[in-house]
């Protein structure tokens, strides 16, 4: 879980790091669990925090896994977001831009 403040904006970016095969359903479950945990930890603090779930990978995603990732959203408070696919080595500022 990444909590980051930059340029006057607060960002919460749960990140699933994948070095090999990406199993989309497992990634989504992990990201949703991180969102639930953060919601519990933050309580009512940081009401305007931006939510950006990330799957960081080294490439070679299967088409079926990408389809699953494009059809399920992760929920944090009232925000529902698709997980962004980010290549390893990408700067966080670029990933959440």
Protein backbone atom coordinates (compact mmCIF):
# COMPACT_ATOMS: atom_id res chain seq x y z
CA UNK A 1 0.00 0.00 0.00
CA UNK A 2 1.33 3.38 -1.00
CA UNK A 3 0.17 6.59 0.63
CA UNK A 4 1.59 9.61 -1.14
CA UNK A 5 1.14 13.36 -1.00
CA UNK A 6 2.33 15.48 -3.90
CA UNK A 7 1.37 18.87 -5.22
CA UNK A 8 -1.42 19.30 -2.72
CA UNK A 9 -3.08 15.98 -3.50
CA UNK A 10 -3.19 12.90 -1.32
CA UNK A 11 -3.10 9.55 -3.09
CA UNK A 12 -3.71 6.01 -1.92
CA UNK A 13 -2.34 3.44 -4.38
CA UNK A 14 -2.58 -0.19 -3.39
CA UNK A 15 -0.06 -1.98 -5.60
CA UNK A 16 0.15 -5.63 -6.54
CA UNK A 17 3.68 -6.45 -7.71
CA UNK A 18 3.92 -9.31 -10.22
CA UNK A 19 7.19 -10.74 -11.48
CA UNK A 20 5.81 -13.62 -13.51
CA UNK A 21 2.40 -14.89 -14.55
CA UNK A 22 -0.44 -12.55 -13.64
CA UNK A 23 -3.60 -14.25 -12.33
CA UNK A 24 -6.12 -11.42 -12.60
CA UNK A 25 -8.61 -12.69 -10.04
CA UNK A 26 -5.89 -13.08 -7.40
CA UNK A 27 -4.61 -9.56 -8.09
CA UNK A 28 -8.07 -8.07 -7.80
CA UNK A 29 -8.75 -9.86 -4.50
CA UNK A 30 -5.44 -8.59 -3.07
CA UNK A 31 -6.14 -5.02 -4.19
CA UNK A 32 -9.67 -5.09 -2.76
CA UNK A 33 -8.35 -6.41 0.56
CA UNK A 34 -5.79 -3.59 0.67
CA UNK A 35 -8.56 -1.06 -0.02
CA UNK A 36 -10.66 -2.49 2.83
CA UNK A 37 -7.70 -2.39 5.21
CA UNK A 38 -6.86 1.21 4.29
CA UNK A 39 -10.49 2.23 4.72
CA UNK A 40 -10.45 0.76 8.22
CA UNK A 41 -7.11 2.36 9.12
CA UNK A 42 -8.00 5.80 7.76
CA UNK A 43 -11.51 5.92 9.20
CA UNK A 44 -12.87 9.37 8.39
CA UNK A 45 -9.45 10.97 7.84
CA UNK A 46 -8.35 12.04 4.36
CA UNK A 47 -11.84 12.18 2.87
CA UNK A 48 -10.53 13.64 -0.39
CA UNK A 49 -7.75 11.07 -0.91
CA UNK A 50 -7.48 9.89 -4.51
CA UNK A 51 -7.64 6.12 -5.05
CA UNK A 52 -5.45 4.54 -7.73
CA UNK A 53 -5.11 0.72 -7.61
CA UNK A 54 -2.07 -0.55 -9.53
CA UNK A 55 -0.86 -3.85 -10.89
CA UNK A 56 2.86 -3.56 -11.52
CA UNK A 57 4.16 -6.19 -13.94
CA UNK A 58 7.07 -6.90 -16.24
CA UNK A 59 4.95 -7.53 -19.35
CA UNK A 60 3.52 -10.44 -21.24
CA UNK A 61 -0.04 -10.38 -19.90
CA UNK A 62 -2.45 -12.89 -21.41
CA UNK A 63 -5.47 -11.48 -23.24
CA UNK A 64 -7.93 -13.32 -20.98
CA UNK A 65 -6.32 -11.86 -17.86
CA UNK A 66 -6.54 -8.35 -19.32
CA UNK A 67 -10.25 -8.89 -20.07
CA UNK A 68 -10.87 -9.85 -16.43
CA UNK A 69 -8.96 -6.78 -15.21
CA UNK A 70 -10.98 -4.51 -17.51
CA UNK A 71 -14.30 -5.79 -16.18
CA UNK A 72 -13.88 -5.63 -12.40
CA UNK A 73 -13.47 -2.50 -10.33
CA UNK A 74 -11.89 -2.09 -6.92
CA UNK A 75 -13.89 -0.12 -4.36
CA UNK A 76 -12.47 2.27 -1.78
CA UNK A 77 -15.08 4.34 0.05
CA UNK A 78 -17.30 5.66 -2.74
CA UNK A 79 -14.61 5.43 -5.41
CA UNK A 80 -14.73 2.51 -7.85
CA UNK A 81 -11.68 2.19 -10.09
CA UNK A 82 -10.22 -0.24 -12.57
CA UNK A 83 -6.73 -1.39 -11.63
CA UNK A 84 -4.15 0.34 -13.79
CA UNK A 85 -1.60 -1.90 -15.49
CA UNK A 86 1.85 -0.42 -14.95
CA UNK A 87 5.14 -1.75 -16.29
CA UNK A 88 7.91 -2.33 -13.75
CA UNK A 89 10.19 0.68 -13.51
CA UNK A 90 7.46 3.26 -14.20
CA UNK A 91 7.61 6.28 -11.92
CA UNK A 92 4.71 6.50 -9.47
CA UNK A 93 3.95 10.06 -10.58
CA UNK A 94 3.51 8.76 -14.14
CA UNK A 95 1.42 5.76 -13.07
CA UNK A 96 -1.14 7.87 -11.20
CA UNK A 97 -1.16 10.88 -13.56
